[in-house]
Amino acid sequence: MANPLMFLPPILFAGLAAMFYLGMQRDDPNALPSTMIGREAPAMNLVQLGDKPLLTDAALREPGIKLVNFWGSWCVSCRVEHPMLMKMATEMGITFHGINYDDPPDRALAYLAEEGNPFTLVGQDVTGRNKLDWGVYGAPETFIVDGEGKILYRHAGPITEQDLERVFLPAMRGEAVKPAVSGLGAATGG
């Protein structure tokens, strides 16, 4: 009589293969899902980063579209993305708010001093609670938030020129933002 445990590995393999197959059938198989789309931005528990103006819940509910970017000076992809953030903030007047995490304050402040500060408001997530509440997988991640504090879109990875044209500029013009989640760029995480 065969041991029933000998059937366990093939059954587990078949189940895993089925999960991967179903995952690849989505519209964008590289997309990371977000349960935050269409919901109010989570309450924030940030501390002030140096003397920079602090990002608050009330600021997310002010009129107009704004972008919330999770970043860290340790993050290679954040450094790749930073010139695009500077361009969007300084040349295009797009409102960026920053949430720094997993960074000592002195390193984060030195980074902004060296590379420029694209953020209107910024805060530091010292506990890591904010990144969990927002469903952040890694850095950088950028959220488009409307004038009522509702999350319209989540972009994982560095913002590229293509992303700017395809997603962010239409959102600034008040056009519908689709898809509800974005795929990862070539470089992701830190």
C-alpha atoms as a PDB file:
ATOM      1  CA  MET A   1       0.000   0.000   0.000  1.00  0.00           C
ATOM      2  CA  ALA A   2       1.391   3.399  -1.020  1.00  0.00           C
ATOM      3  CA  ASN A   3       2.023   6.042   1.600  1.00  0.00           C
ATOM      4  CA  PRO A   4      -0.524   8.902   1.120  1.00  0.00           C
ATOM      5  CA  LEU A   5       2.220  11.458   1.880  1.00  0.00           C
ATOM      6  CA  MET A   6       3.997  10.580  -1.362  1.00  0.00           C
ATOM      7  CA  PHE A   7       1.151  12.311  -3.252  1.00  0.00           C
ATOM      8  CA  LEU A   8       1.594  15.549  -1.314  1.00  0.00           C
ATOM      9  CA  PRO A   9       4.501  17.047  -3.364  1.00  0.00           C
ATOM     10  CA  PRO A  10       2.785  16.609  -6.765  1.00  0.00           C
ATOM     11  CA  ILE A  11      -0.486  18.016  -5.381  1.00  0.00           C
ATOM     12  CA  LEU A  12       1.333  21.033  -3.884  1.00  0.00           C
ATOM     13  CA  PHE A  13       3.213  21.570  -7.154  1.00  0.00           C
ATOM     14  CA  ALA A  14      -0.021  21.443  -9.178  1.00  0.00           C
ATOM     15  CA  GLY A  15      -1.680  23.940  -6.825  1.00  0.00           C
ATOM     16  CA  LEU A  16       1.270  26.322  -7.040  1.00  0.00           C
ATOM     17  CA  ALA A  17       1.389  26.019 -10.831  1.00  0.00           C
ATOM     18  CA  ALA A  18      -2.342  26.800 -11.011  1.00  0.00           C
ATOM     19  CA  MET A  19      -1.851  29.919  -8.843  1.00  0.00           C
ATOM     20  CA  PHE A  20       0.962  31.164 -11.073  1.00  0.00           C
ATOM     21  CA  TYR A  21      -1.061  30.470 -14.214  1.00  0.00           C
ATOM     22  CA  LEU A  22      -4.111  32.350 -12.899  1.00  0.00           C
ATOM     23  CA  GLY A  23      -1.913  35.241 -11.779  1.00  0.00           C
ATOM     24  CA  MET A  24      -0.459  35.562 -15.269  1.00  0.00           C
ATOM     25  CA  GLN A  25      -3.962  35.842 -16.791  1.00  0.00           C
ATOM     26  CA  ARG A  26      -4.572  39.301 -15.293  1.00  0.00           C
ATOM     27  CA  ASP A  27      -4.668  42.363 -17.592  1.00  0.00           C
ATOM     28  CA  ASP A  28      -1.179  43.338 -16.419  1.00  0.00           C
ATOM     29  CA  PRO A  29       0.610  40.346 -14.915  1.00  0.00           C
ATOM     30  CA  ASN A  30       3.366  42.632 -13.562  1.00  0.00           C
ATOM     31  CA  ALA A  31       0.888  44.796 -11.655  1.00  0.00           C
ATOM     32  CA  LEU A  32       0.871  44.779  -7.892  1.00  0.00           C
ATOM     33  CA  PRO A  33      -2.684  44.934  -6.556  1.00  0.00           C
ATOM     34  CA  SER A  34      -3.709  47.613  -4.081  1.00  0.00           C
ATOM     35  CA  THR A  35      -6.754  47.530  -1.854  1.00  0.00           C
ATOM     36  CA  MET A  36      -6.324  51.280  -1.271  1.00  0.00           C
ATOM     37  CA  ILE A  37      -7.622  52.398  -4.685  1.00  0.00           C
ATOM     38  CA  GLY A  38     -10.879  54.307  -4.211  1.00  0.00           C
ATOM     39  CA  ARG A  39     -10.490  54.483  -0.444  1.00  0.00           C
ATOM     40  CA  GLU A  40      -9.584  57.376   1.806  1.00  0.00           C
ATOM     41  CA  ALA A  41      -5.887  57.723   2.513  1.00  0.00           C
ATOM     42  CA  PRO A  42      -5.036  56.113   5.845  1.00  0.00           C
ATOM     43  CA  ALA A  43      -4.447  58.322   8.870  1.00  0.00           C
ATOM     44  CA  MET A  44      -0.791  59.209   9.140  1.00  0.00           C
ATOM     45  CA  ASN A  45       1.509  59.042  12.110  1.00  0.00           C
ATOM     46  CA  LEU A  46       4.541  60.948  10.846  1.00  0.00           C
ATOM     47  CA  VAL A  47       7.194  62.954  12.623  1.00  0.00           C
ATOM     48  CA  GLN A  48       8.726  66.126  11.289  1.00  0.00           C
ATOM     49  CA  LEU A  49      11.887  65.678   9.233  1.00  0.00           C
ATOM     50  CA  GLY A  50      14.236  68.421  10.389  1.00  0.00           C
ATOM     51  CA  ASP A  51      12.644  71.806   9.779  1.00  0.00           C
ATOM     52  CA  LYS A  52      10.680  70.673   6.714  1.00  0.00           C
ATOM     53  CA  PRO A  53       6.901  71.360   6.746  1.00  0.00           C
ATOM     54  CA  LEU A  54       5.106  68.256   8.073  1.00  0.00           C
ATOM     55  CA  LEU A  55       2.710  66.220   5.942  1.00  0.00           C
ATOM     56  CA  THR A  56      -0.623  65.840   7.758  1.00  0.00           C
ATOM     57  CA  ASP A  57      -3.955  64.130   7.143  1.00  0.00           C
ATOM     58  CA  ALA A  58      -5.570  67.540   6.597  1.00  0.00           C
ATOM     59  CA  ALA A  59      -3.110  68.316   3.781  1.00  0.00           C
ATOM     60  CA  LEU A  60      -4.291  65.242   1.881  1.00  0.00           C
ATOM     61  CA  ARG A  61      -7.857  66.546   1.958  1.00  0.00           C
ATOM     62  CA  GLU A  62      -7.009  69.968   0.565  1.00  0.00           C
ATOM     63  CA  PRO A  63      -8.390  70.770  -2.888  1.00  0.00           C
ATOM     64  CA  GLY A  64      -6.553  69.482  -5.908  1.00  0.00           C
ATOM     65  CA  ILE A  65      -4.638  66.428  -6.983  1.00  0.00           C
ATOM     66  CA  LYS A  66      -1.444  65.661  -5.119  1.00  0.00           C
ATOM     67  CA  LEU A  67       1.115  62.879  -5.213  1.00  0.00           C
ATOM     68  CA  VAL A  68       2.393  61.043  -2.141  1.00  0.00           C
ATOM     69  CA  ASN A  69       5.789  59.437  -2.638  1.00  0.00           C
ATOM     70  CA  PHE A  70       7.310  56.856  -0.276  1.00  0.00           C
ATOM     71  CA  TRP A  71      11.099  57.082  -0.486  1.00  0.00           C
ATOM     72  CA  GLY A  72      14.415  56.512   1.283  1.00  0.00           C
ATOM     73  CA  SER A  73      17.957  57.741   0.717  1.00  0.00           C
ATOM     74  CA  TRP A  74      19.093  54.091   0.831  1.00  0.00           C
ATOM     75  CA  CYS A  75      16.860  53.220  -2.134  1.00  0.00           C
ATOM     76  CA  VAL A  76      18.699  52.989  -5.475  1.00  0.00           C
ATOM     77  CA  SER A  77      15.455  53.243  -7.472  1.00  0.00           C
ATOM     78  CA  CYS A  78      14.485  56.358  -5.487  1.00  0.00           C
ATOM     79  CA  ARG A  79      17.768  57.941  -6.547  1.00  0.00           C
ATOM     80  CA  VAL A  80      17.040  56.996 -10.174  1.00  0.00           C
ATOM     81  CA  GLU A  81      13.550  58.505  -9.893  1.00  0.00           C
ATOM     82  CA  HIS A  82      14.596  61.690  -8.073  1.00  0.00           C
ATOM     83  CA  PRO A  83      15.421  63.824 -11.156  1.00  0.00           C
ATOM     84  CA  MET A  84      11.934  63.052 -12.513  1.00  0.00           C
ATOM     85  CA  LEU A  85      10.354  64.124  -9.211  1.00  0.00           C
ATOM     86  CA  MET A  86      12.369  67.358  -9.307  1.00  0.00           C
ATOM     87  CA  LYS A  87      11.255  68.000 -12.899  1.00  0.00           C
ATOM     88  CA  MET A  88       7.605  67.308 -12.084  1.00  0.00           C
ATOM     89  CA  ALA A  89       7.678  69.519  -8.977  1.00  0.00           C
ATOM     90  CA  THR A  90       9.804  72.440 -10.165  1.00  0.00           C
ATOM     91  CA  GLU A  91       9.151  72.628 -13.916  1.00  0.00           C
ATOM     92  CA  MET A  92       5.568  71.361 -13.988  1.00  0.00           C
ATOM     93  CA  GLY A  93       4.272  72.568 -10.628  1.00  0.00           C
ATOM     94  CA  ILE A  94       2.983  69.161  -9.536  1.00  0.00           C
ATOM     95  CA  THR A  95       2.401  68.919  -5.791  1.00  0.00           C
ATOM     96  CA  PHE A  96       4.475  66.150  -4.226  1.00  0.00           C
ATOM     97  CA  HIS A  97       4.350  65.099  -0.597  1.00  0.00           C
ATOM     98  CA  GLY A  98       7.029  62.752   0.681  1.00  0.00           C
ATOM     99  CA  ILE A  99       7.074  60.005   3.270  1.00  0.00           C
ATOM    100  CA  ASN A 100      10.573  58.929   4.209  1.00  0.00           C
ATOM    101  CA  TYR A 101      11.034  55.539   5.842  1.00  0.00           C
ATOM    102  CA  ASP A 102      13.777  53.227   7.084  1.00  0.00           C
ATOM    103  CA  ASP A 103      16.150  56.194   7.085  1.00  0.00           C
ATOM    104  CA  PRO A 104      17.957  58.038   9.889  1.00  0.00           C
ATOM    105  CA  PRO A 105      16.798  61.691   9.776  1.00  0.00           C
ATOM    106  CA  ASP A 106      20.314  63.031   9.158  1.00  0.00           C
ATOM    107  CA  ARG A 107      20.759  60.831   6.058  1.00  0.00           C
ATOM    108  CA  ALA A 108      17.326  61.773   4.700  1.00  0.00           C
ATOM    109  CA  LEU A 109      17.990  65.487   5.220  1.00  0.00           C
ATOM    110  CA  ALA A 110      21.465  65.248   3.665  1.00  0.00           C
ATOM    111  CA  TYR A 111      19.956  63.499   0.637  1.00  0.00           C
ATOM    112  CA  LEU A 112      17.365  66.260   0.131  1.00  0.00           C
ATOM    113  CA  ALA A 113      20.044  68.928   0.597  1.00  0.00           C
ATOM    114  CA  GLU A 114      22.310  67.293  -2.019  1.00  0.00           C
ATOM    115  CA  GLU A 115      19.725  66.227  -4.602  1.00  0.00           C
ATOM    116  CA  GLY A 116      17.017  68.851  -4.077  1.00  0.00           C
ATOM    117  CA  ASN A 117      13.681  68.676  -2.311  1.00  0.00           C
ATOM    118  CA  PRO A 118      10.684  68.073  -4.607  1.00  0.00           C
ATOM    119  CA  PHE A 119       8.297  67.769  -1.646  1.00  0.00           C
ATOM    120  CA  THR A 120       5.895  70.489  -0.563  1.00  0.00           C
ATOM    121  CA  LEU A 121       5.313  68.602   2.691  1.00  0.00           C
ATOM    122  CA  VAL A 122       7.299  65.702   4.073  1.00  0.00           C
ATOM    123  CA  GLY A 123       7.261  63.437   7.084  1.00  0.00           C
ATOM    124  CA  GLN A 124       9.203  60.555   8.479  1.00  0.00           C
ATOM    125  CA  ASP A 125       7.646  57.170   9.131  1.00  0.00           C
ATOM    126  CA  VAL A 126       9.737  56.157  12.139  1.00  0.00           C
ATOM    127  CA  THR A 127       7.570  53.187  13.162  1.00  0.00           C
ATOM    128  CA  GLY A 128       6.924  51.761   9.677  1.00  0.00           C
ATOM    129  CA  ARG A 129       3.196  51.865  10.415  1.00  0.00           C
ATOM    130  CA  ASN A 130       2.411  54.275   7.573  1.00  0.00           C
ATOM    131  CA  LYS A 131       3.978  52.130   4.877  1.00  0.00           C
ATOM    132  CA  LEU A 132       1.982  49.151   6.180  1.00  0.00           C
ATOM    133  CA  ASP A 133      -1.270  51.118   6.342  1.00  0.00           C
ATOM    134  CA  TRP A 134      -0.807  52.359   2.768  1.00  0.00           C
ATOM    135  CA  GLY A 135       0.111  48.845   1.554  1.00  0.00           C
ATOM    136  CA  VAL A 136       3.581  49.849   0.381  1.00  0.00           C
ATOM    137  CA  TYR A 137       5.619  46.930  -0.963  1.00  0.00           C
ATOM    138  CA  GLY A 138       8.893  48.841  -1.407  1.00  0.00           C
ATOM    139  CA  ALA A 139      10.369  52.120  -2.458  1.00  0.00           C
ATOM    140  CA  PRO A 140       9.671  54.136  -4.405  1.00  0.00           C
ATOM    141  CA  GLU A 141       5.906  54.030  -4.514  1.00  0.00           C
ATOM    142  CA  THR A 142       3.739  56.971  -5.495  1.00  0.00           C
ATOM    143  CA  PHE A 143       0.037  57.448  -4.861  1.00  0.00           C
ATOM    144  CA  ILE A 144      -2.244  59.914  -6.629  1.00  0.00           C
ATOM    145  CA  VAL A 145      -4.645  61.435  -4.099  1.00  0.00           C
ATOM    146  CA  ASP A 146      -7.653  63.608  -4.956  1.00  0.00           C
ATOM    147  CA  GLY A 147      -8.928  66.724  -3.164  1.00  0.00           C
ATOM    148  CA  GLU A 148     -11.006  64.659  -0.761  1.00  0.00           C
ATOM    149  CA  GLY A 149      -8.090  62.503   0.338  1.00  0.00           C
ATOM    150  CA  LYS A 150      -9.145  59.502  -1.759  1.00  0.00           C
ATOM    151  CA  ILE A 151      -6.460  57.355  -3.394  1.00  0.00           C
ATOM    152  CA  LEU A 152      -6.942  57.219  -7.165  1.00  0.00           C
ATOM    153  CA  TYR A 153      -3.852  55.337  -8.283  1.00  0.00           C
ATOM    154  CA  ARG A 154      -0.788  53.522  -6.989  1.00  0.00           C
ATOM    155  CA  HIS A 155       2.472  53.399  -8.907  1.00  0.00           C
ATOM    156  CA  ALA A 156       5.158  50.952  -7.794  1.00  0.00           C
ATOM    157  CA  GLY A 157       8.700  51.677  -8.911  1.00  0.00           C
ATOM    158  CA  PRO A 158      10.356  54.785 -10.284  1.00  0.00           C
ATOM    159  CA  ILE A 159       8.276  57.197 -12.356  1.00  0.00           C
ATOM    160  CA  THR A 160       9.474  57.317 -15.969  1.00  0.00           C
ATOM    161  CA  GLU A 161       8.725  59.745 -18.824  1.00  0.00           C
ATOM    162  CA  GLN A 162       6.252  57.188 -20.167  1.00  0.00           C
ATOM    163  CA  ASP A 163       4.472  57.021 -16.778  1.00  0.00           C
ATOM    164  CA  LEU A 164       4.387  60.813 -16.650  1.00  0.00           C
ATOM    165  CA  GLU A 165       2.680  61.024 -20.062  1.00  0.00           C
ATOM    166  CA  ARG A 166       0.416  57.975 -19.666  1.00  0.00           C
ATOM    167  CA  VAL A 167      -0.761  58.389 -16.058  1.00  0.00           C
ATOM    168  CA  PHE A 168       0.371  61.392 -14.096  1.00  0.00           C
ATOM    169  CA  LEU A 169      -0.332  64.245 -16.546  1.00  0.00           C
ATOM    170  CA  PRO A 170      -3.839  62.943 -17.353  1.00  0.00           C
ATOM    171  CA  ALA A 171      -4.510  62.739 -13.604  1.00  0.00           C
ATOM    172  CA  MET A 172      -3.376  66.342 -13.185  1.00  0.00           C
ATOM    173  CA  ARG A 173      -5.877  67.331 -15.899  1.00  0.00           C
ATOM    174  CA  GLY A 174      -8.647  65.552 -13.987  1.00  0.00           C
ATOM    175  CA  GLU A 175      -8.963  62.694 -16.442  1.00  0.00           C
ATOM    176  CA  ALA A 176      -9.770  59.204 -15.205  1.00  0.00           C
ATOM    177  CA  VAL A 177      -6.722  57.271 -14.094  1.00  0.00           C
ATOM    178  CA  LYS A 178      -6.529  53.733 -15.468  1.00  0.00           C
ATOM    179  CA  PRO A 179      -5.482  51.071 -14.738  1.00  0.00           C
ATOM    180  CA  ALA A 180      -6.105  51.083 -10.994  1.00  0.00           C
ATOM    181  CA  VAL A 181      -2.613  49.723 -10.300  1.00  0.00           C
ATOM    182  CA  SER A 182       0.600  50.062 -12.206  1.00  0.00           C
ATOM    183  CA  GLY A 183       3.273  47.627 -13.143  1.00  0.00           C
ATOM    184  CA  LEU A 184       6.758  47.620 -11.793  1.00  0.00           C
ATOM    185  CA  GLY A 185       9.374  49.479 -13.763  1.00  0.00           C
ATOM    186  CA  ALA A 186      12.623  47.877 -14.789  1.00  0.00           C
ATOM    187  CA  ALA A 187      14.177  48.859 -11.480  1.00  0.00           C
ATOM    188  CA  THR A 188      12.120  48.341  -8.362  1.00  0.00           C
ATOM    189  CA  GLY A 189      12.653  48.616  -4.672  1.00  0.00           C
ATOM    190  CA  GLY A 190      15.832  49.732  -3.002  1.00  0.00           C
END
